[in-house]
């Protein structure tokens, strides 16, 4: 189990909870998950590769159980992920993607 998320007001501003990368063939190479902001909008999610690379690749974001979201991307293995919503009270969050076995 990578993470446990509970629908509660604690940590409600943590829109990005975790990220993993995979170097496997024929499947998604980046996963991220988190909480939906209070207004229920999906965050804007971006996966990046390398220290300076800002490569853009298609990212798929879906809501889960009206409180959470899951995102994935194909392409080169990602090294980090960023999630943001366009609200002043919720900061943009970036995480280094851990390697999935």
N, C-alpha and C. Protein backbone atom coordinates (compact mmCIF):
# COMPACT_ATOMS: atom_id res chain seq x y z
N UNK A 1 0.85 -1.17 0.00
CA UNK A 1 0.00 0.00 0.00
C UNK A 1 0.90 1.23 0.00
N UNK A 2 0.68 2.12 -0.94
CA UNK A 2 1.50 3.31 -1.06
C UNK A 2 1.04 4.44 -0.17
N UNK A 3 -0.24 4.61 -0.01
CA UNK A 3 -0.77 5.75 0.72
C UNK A 3 -2.19 5.44 1.13
N UNK A 4 -2.61 6.01 2.22
CA UNK A 4 -3.99 5.90 2.65
C UNK A 4 -4.55 7.31 2.70
N UNK A 5 -5.67 7.52 2.00
CA UNK A 5 -6.29 8.84 2.00
C UNK A 5 -7.69 8.71 2.58
N UNK A 6 -8.02 9.63 3.45
CA UNK A 6 -9.30 9.62 4.13
C UNK A 6 -10.01 10.94 3.85
N UNK A 7 -11.30 10.88 3.62
CA UNK A 7 -12.08 12.09 3.38
C UNK A 7 -12.29 12.80 4.71
N UNK A 8 -11.47 13.81 4.97
CA UNK A 8 -11.54 14.59 6.20
C UNK A 8 -11.05 15.99 5.92
N UNK A 9 -11.31 16.91 6.79
CA UNK A 9 -10.84 18.28 6.59
C UNK A 9 -9.37 18.42 6.93
N UNK A 10 -8.78 17.47 7.63
CA UNK A 10 -7.36 17.54 7.94
C UNK A 10 -6.53 17.44 6.68
N UNK A 11 -5.63 18.36 6.47
CA UNK A 11 -4.78 18.33 5.29
C UNK A 11 -5.52 18.57 4.00
N UNK A 12 -6.61 19.30 4.06
CA UNK A 12 -7.43 19.51 2.86
C UNK A 12 -6.69 20.29 1.78
N UNK A 13 -5.62 21.01 2.15
CA UNK A 13 -4.87 21.76 1.15
C UNK A 13 -3.78 20.91 0.49
N UNK A 14 -3.67 19.64 0.83
CA UNK A 14 -2.68 18.76 0.23
C UNK A 14 -3.25 18.12 -1.02
N UNK A 15 -3.24 18.89 -2.10
CA UNK A 15 -3.84 18.35 -3.32
C UNK A 15 -3.00 17.25 -3.95
N UNK A 16 -1.69 17.21 -3.70
CA UNK A 16 -0.82 16.16 -4.22
C UNK A 16 -0.31 15.35 -3.04
N UNK A 17 -0.65 14.05 -3.01
CA UNK A 17 -0.27 13.20 -1.89
C UNK A 17 0.89 12.26 -2.22
N UNK A 18 1.03 11.86 -3.48
CA UNK A 18 2.09 10.93 -3.80
C UNK A 18 2.30 10.80 -5.30
N UNK A 19 3.47 10.24 -5.66
CA UNK A 19 3.81 10.04 -7.07
C UNK A 19 4.76 8.87 -7.19
N UNK A 20 4.62 8.12 -8.26
CA UNK A 20 5.51 6.99 -8.54
C UNK A 20 5.84 7.00 -10.03
N UNK A 21 7.02 6.45 -10.35
CA UNK A 21 7.42 6.32 -11.75
C UNK A 21 7.74 4.87 -12.03
N UNK A 22 7.64 4.49 -13.30
CA UNK A 22 7.92 3.14 -13.73
C UNK A 22 8.67 3.19 -15.05
N UNK A 23 9.61 2.30 -15.23
CA UNK A 23 10.36 2.23 -16.48
C UNK A 23 9.88 1.07 -17.33
N UNK A 24 8.74 0.50 -16.98
CA UNK A 24 8.22 -0.66 -17.70
C UNK A 24 7.83 -0.36 -19.13
N UNK A 25 7.83 -1.37 -19.95
CA UNK A 25 7.45 -1.25 -21.35
C UNK A 25 5.93 -1.39 -21.49
N UNK A 26 5.36 -0.57 -22.37
CA UNK A 26 3.97 -0.74 -22.73
C UNK A 26 2.94 -0.29 -21.72
N UNK A 27 3.29 0.55 -20.79
CA UNK A 27 2.31 1.02 -19.82
C UNK A 27 2.62 2.42 -19.36
N UNK A 28 1.79 2.98 -18.50
CA UNK A 28 2.06 4.33 -17.99
C UNK A 28 3.40 4.39 -17.27
N UNK A 29 4.08 5.51 -17.39
CA UNK A 29 5.38 5.66 -16.74
C UNK A 29 5.35 6.63 -15.57
N UNK A 30 4.23 7.27 -15.33
CA UNK A 30 4.10 8.14 -14.17
C UNK A 30 2.70 8.07 -13.60
N UNK A 31 2.60 8.00 -12.27
CA UNK A 31 1.33 8.02 -11.56
C UNK A 31 1.40 9.06 -10.46
N UNK A 32 0.30 9.75 -10.21
CA UNK A 32 0.22 10.68 -9.09
C UNK A 32 -1.20 10.63 -8.55
N UNK A 33 -1.36 10.98 -7.27
CA UNK A 33 -2.68 10.96 -6.66
C UNK A 33 -2.76 12.03 -5.58
N UNK A 34 -3.98 12.40 -5.25
CA UNK A 34 -4.17 13.41 -4.23
C UNK A 34 -5.63 13.67 -3.94
N UNK A 35 -5.86 14.78 -3.24
CA UNK A 35 -7.21 15.20 -2.83
C UNK A 35 -7.71 16.29 -3.76
N UNK A 36 -8.99 16.28 -4.03
CA UNK A 36 -9.59 17.37 -4.78
C UNK A 36 -9.69 18.60 -3.87
N UNK A 37 -9.52 19.80 -4.42
CA UNK A 37 -9.74 21.00 -3.61
C UNK A 37 -11.22 21.09 -3.21
N UNK A 38 -11.52 21.99 -2.29
CA UNK A 38 -12.88 22.12 -1.74
C UNK A 38 -13.93 22.34 -2.82
N UNK A 39 -13.57 23.01 -3.91
CA UNK A 39 -14.57 23.26 -4.97
C UNK A 39 -14.76 22.07 -5.90
N UNK A 40 -13.99 20.99 -5.71
CA UNK A 40 -14.15 19.77 -6.49
C UNK A 40 -13.51 19.79 -7.86
N UNK A 41 -12.78 20.87 -8.20
CA UNK A 41 -12.16 20.95 -9.52
C UNK A 41 -10.93 20.05 -9.59
N UNK A 42 -10.66 19.53 -10.77
CA UNK A 42 -9.47 18.70 -10.97
C UNK A 42 -8.23 19.59 -11.03
N UNK A 43 -7.13 19.16 -10.43
CA UNK A 43 -5.90 19.95 -10.52
C UNK A 43 -5.27 19.83 -11.90
N UNK A 44 -4.42 20.77 -12.21
CA UNK A 44 -3.59 20.70 -13.41
C UNK A 44 -2.33 19.93 -12.99
N UNK A 45 -2.04 18.83 -13.67
CA UNK A 45 -0.94 17.95 -13.30
C UNK A 45 0.07 17.90 -14.43
N UNK A 46 1.37 17.98 -14.09
CA UNK A 46 2.44 17.88 -15.08
C UNK A 46 3.52 16.95 -14.57
N UNK A 47 3.96 16.04 -15.42
CA UNK A 47 5.08 15.15 -15.12
C UNK A 47 6.32 15.67 -15.84
N UNK A 48 7.47 15.66 -15.20
CA UNK A 48 8.70 16.13 -15.82
C UNK A 48 9.78 15.05 -15.73
N UNK A 49 10.75 15.13 -16.63
CA UNK A 49 11.88 14.20 -16.67
C UNK A 49 13.17 14.99 -16.57
N UNK A 50 14.10 14.53 -15.79
CA UNK A 50 15.40 15.20 -15.67
C UNK A 50 15.33 16.46 -14.84
N UNK A 51 16.48 17.05 -14.56
CA UNK A 51 16.54 18.24 -13.73
C UNK A 51 16.03 19.49 -14.42
N UNK A 52 16.38 19.67 -15.68
CA UNK A 52 16.01 20.89 -16.39
C UNK A 52 14.92 20.70 -17.42
N UNK A 53 14.56 19.46 -17.68
CA UNK A 53 13.59 19.18 -18.74
C UNK A 53 12.18 19.59 -18.31
N UNK A 54 11.51 20.24 -19.17
CA UNK A 54 10.12 20.62 -18.95
C UNK A 54 9.27 20.05 -20.07
N UNK A 55 9.55 18.80 -20.42
CA UNK A 55 8.82 18.18 -21.53
C UNK A 55 7.34 18.09 -21.20
N UNK A 56 6.52 18.35 -22.21
CA UNK A 56 5.08 18.26 -22.04
C UNK A 56 4.60 16.97 -22.67
N UNK A 57 3.82 16.24 -21.95
CA UNK A 57 3.25 15.00 -22.46
C UNK A 57 1.80 14.93 -22.01
N UNK A 58 0.98 14.16 -22.70
CA UNK A 58 -0.41 14.05 -22.28
C UNK A 58 -0.53 13.48 -20.87
N UNK A 59 -1.36 14.09 -20.07
CA UNK A 59 -1.61 13.63 -18.71
C UNK A 59 -3.11 13.40 -18.58
N UNK A 60 -3.47 12.27 -18.03
CA UNK A 60 -4.87 11.91 -17.83
C UNK A 60 -5.18 12.05 -16.34
N UNK A 61 -6.18 12.84 -16.00
CA UNK A 61 -6.57 13.07 -14.60
C UNK A 61 -8.04 12.70 -14.46
N UNK A 62 -8.35 11.84 -13.49
CA UNK A 62 -9.74 11.43 -13.26
C UNK A 62 -10.09 11.61 -11.78
N UNK A 63 -11.34 12.00 -11.50
CA UNK A 63 -11.78 12.10 -10.11
C UNK A 63 -12.11 10.71 -9.57
N UNK A 64 -11.95 10.54 -8.26
CA UNK A 64 -12.29 9.28 -7.60
C UNK A 64 -13.11 9.59 -6.36
N UNK A 65 -14.24 8.94 -6.20
CA UNK A 65 -15.08 9.03 -5.00
C UNK A 65 -15.40 10.47 -4.58
N UNK A 66 -15.48 11.38 -5.52
CA UNK A 66 -15.86 12.77 -5.28
C UNK A 66 -14.95 13.52 -4.30
N UNK A 67 -13.81 12.94 -3.93
CA UNK A 67 -12.91 13.62 -2.99
C UNK A 67 -11.44 13.51 -3.40
N UNK A 68 -11.12 12.60 -4.30
CA UNK A 68 -9.73 12.34 -4.66
C UNK A 68 -9.55 12.36 -6.17
N UNK A 69 -8.30 12.31 -6.63
CA UNK A 69 -8.01 12.23 -8.05
C UNK A 69 -6.82 11.32 -8.28
N UNK A 70 -6.71 10.79 -9.49
CA UNK A 70 -5.60 9.96 -9.93
C UNK A 70 -5.16 10.47 -11.30
N UNK A 71 -3.85 10.58 -11.51
CA UNK A 71 -3.31 11.02 -12.80
C UNK A 71 -2.24 10.04 -13.27
N UNK A 72 -2.11 9.89 -14.59
CA UNK A 72 -1.05 9.06 -15.14
C UNK A 72 -0.63 9.64 -16.48
N UNK A 73 0.56 9.21 -16.90
CA UNK A 73 1.12 9.70 -18.15
C UNK A 73 1.99 8.62 -18.78
N UNK A 74 2.02 8.61 -20.10
CA UNK A 74 2.91 7.73 -20.85
C UNK A 74 4.11 8.54 -21.31
N UNK A 75 5.15 7.87 -21.74
CA UNK A 75 6.32 8.57 -22.24
C UNK A 75 7.55 8.17 -21.44
N UNK A 76 8.61 8.98 -21.52
CA UNK A 76 9.81 8.65 -20.75
C UNK A 76 9.48 8.64 -19.26
N UNK A 77 10.18 7.83 -18.48
CA UNK A 77 9.94 7.81 -17.03
C UNK A 77 10.08 9.22 -16.45
N UNK A 78 9.16 9.60 -15.59
CA UNK A 78 9.19 10.94 -15.00
C UNK A 78 10.08 10.94 -13.76
N UNK A 79 10.58 12.10 -13.40
CA UNK A 79 11.35 12.23 -12.17
C UNK A 79 10.59 13.03 -11.11
N UNK A 80 9.66 13.88 -11.55
CA UNK A 80 8.86 14.63 -10.59
C UNK A 80 7.49 14.93 -11.18
N UNK A 81 6.60 15.36 -10.31
CA UNK A 81 5.24 15.72 -10.72
C UNK A 81 4.85 17.00 -10.00
N UNK A 82 4.07 17.83 -10.68
CA UNK A 82 3.57 19.08 -10.10
C UNK A 82 2.05 19.10 -10.24
N UNK A 83 1.37 19.51 -9.18
CA UNK A 83 -0.08 19.66 -9.22
C UNK A 83 -0.43 21.05 -8.74
N UNK A 84 -1.37 21.68 -9.44
CA UNK A 84 -1.80 23.01 -9.02
C UNK A 84 -3.25 23.24 -9.39
N UNK A 85 -3.88 24.10 -8.63
CA UNK A 85 -5.21 24.59 -8.96
C UNK A 85 -5.07 26.10 -9.04
N UNK A 86 -5.97 26.73 -9.72
CA UNK A 86 -5.87 28.18 -9.91
C UNK A 86 -6.67 28.91 -8.83
N UNK A 87 -6.19 28.76 -7.60
CA UNK A 87 -6.77 29.45 -6.45
C UNK A 87 -5.64 29.95 -5.58
N UNK A 88 -5.79 31.13 -5.02
CA UNK A 88 -4.72 31.73 -4.22
C UNK A 88 -4.51 31.03 -2.88
N UNK A 89 -5.53 30.33 -2.35
CA UNK A 89 -5.39 29.70 -1.04
C UNK A 89 -4.84 28.27 -1.12
N UNK A 90 -4.59 27.74 -2.32
CA UNK A 90 -4.04 26.39 -2.47
C UNK A 90 -2.74 26.50 -3.25
N UNK A 91 -1.59 26.21 -2.60
CA UNK A 91 -0.31 26.35 -3.28
C UNK A 91 -0.06 25.24 -4.30
N UNK A 92 0.76 25.54 -5.30
CA UNK A 92 1.24 24.53 -6.24
C UNK A 92 2.19 23.60 -5.46
N UNK A 93 2.13 22.32 -5.73
CA UNK A 93 2.95 21.35 -5.01
C UNK A 93 3.73 20.52 -6.01
N UNK A 94 5.02 20.29 -5.72
CA UNK A 94 5.87 19.44 -6.56
C UNK A 94 6.46 18.34 -5.69
N UNK A 95 6.44 17.11 -6.21
CA UNK A 95 7.03 15.96 -5.52
C UNK A 95 7.96 15.22 -6.46
N UNK A 96 9.01 14.67 -5.90
CA UNK A 96 9.86 13.75 -6.64
C UNK A 96 9.14 12.41 -6.70
N UNK A 97 9.10 11.82 -7.86
CA UNK A 97 8.39 10.55 -8.04
C UNK A 97 9.26 9.39 -7.59
N UNK A 98 8.79 8.61 -6.64
CA UNK A 98 9.51 7.42 -6.20
C UNK A 98 9.38 6.31 -7.22
N UNK A 99 10.32 5.41 -7.22
CA UNK A 99 10.31 4.33 -8.21
C UNK A 99 9.36 3.21 -7.77
N UNK A 100 8.49 2.80 -8.67
CA UNK A 100 7.57 1.69 -8.43
C UNK A 100 8.25 0.40 -8.88
N UNK A 101 8.14 -0.63 -8.09
CA UNK A 101 8.78 -1.90 -8.44
C UNK A 101 7.92 -2.71 -9.36
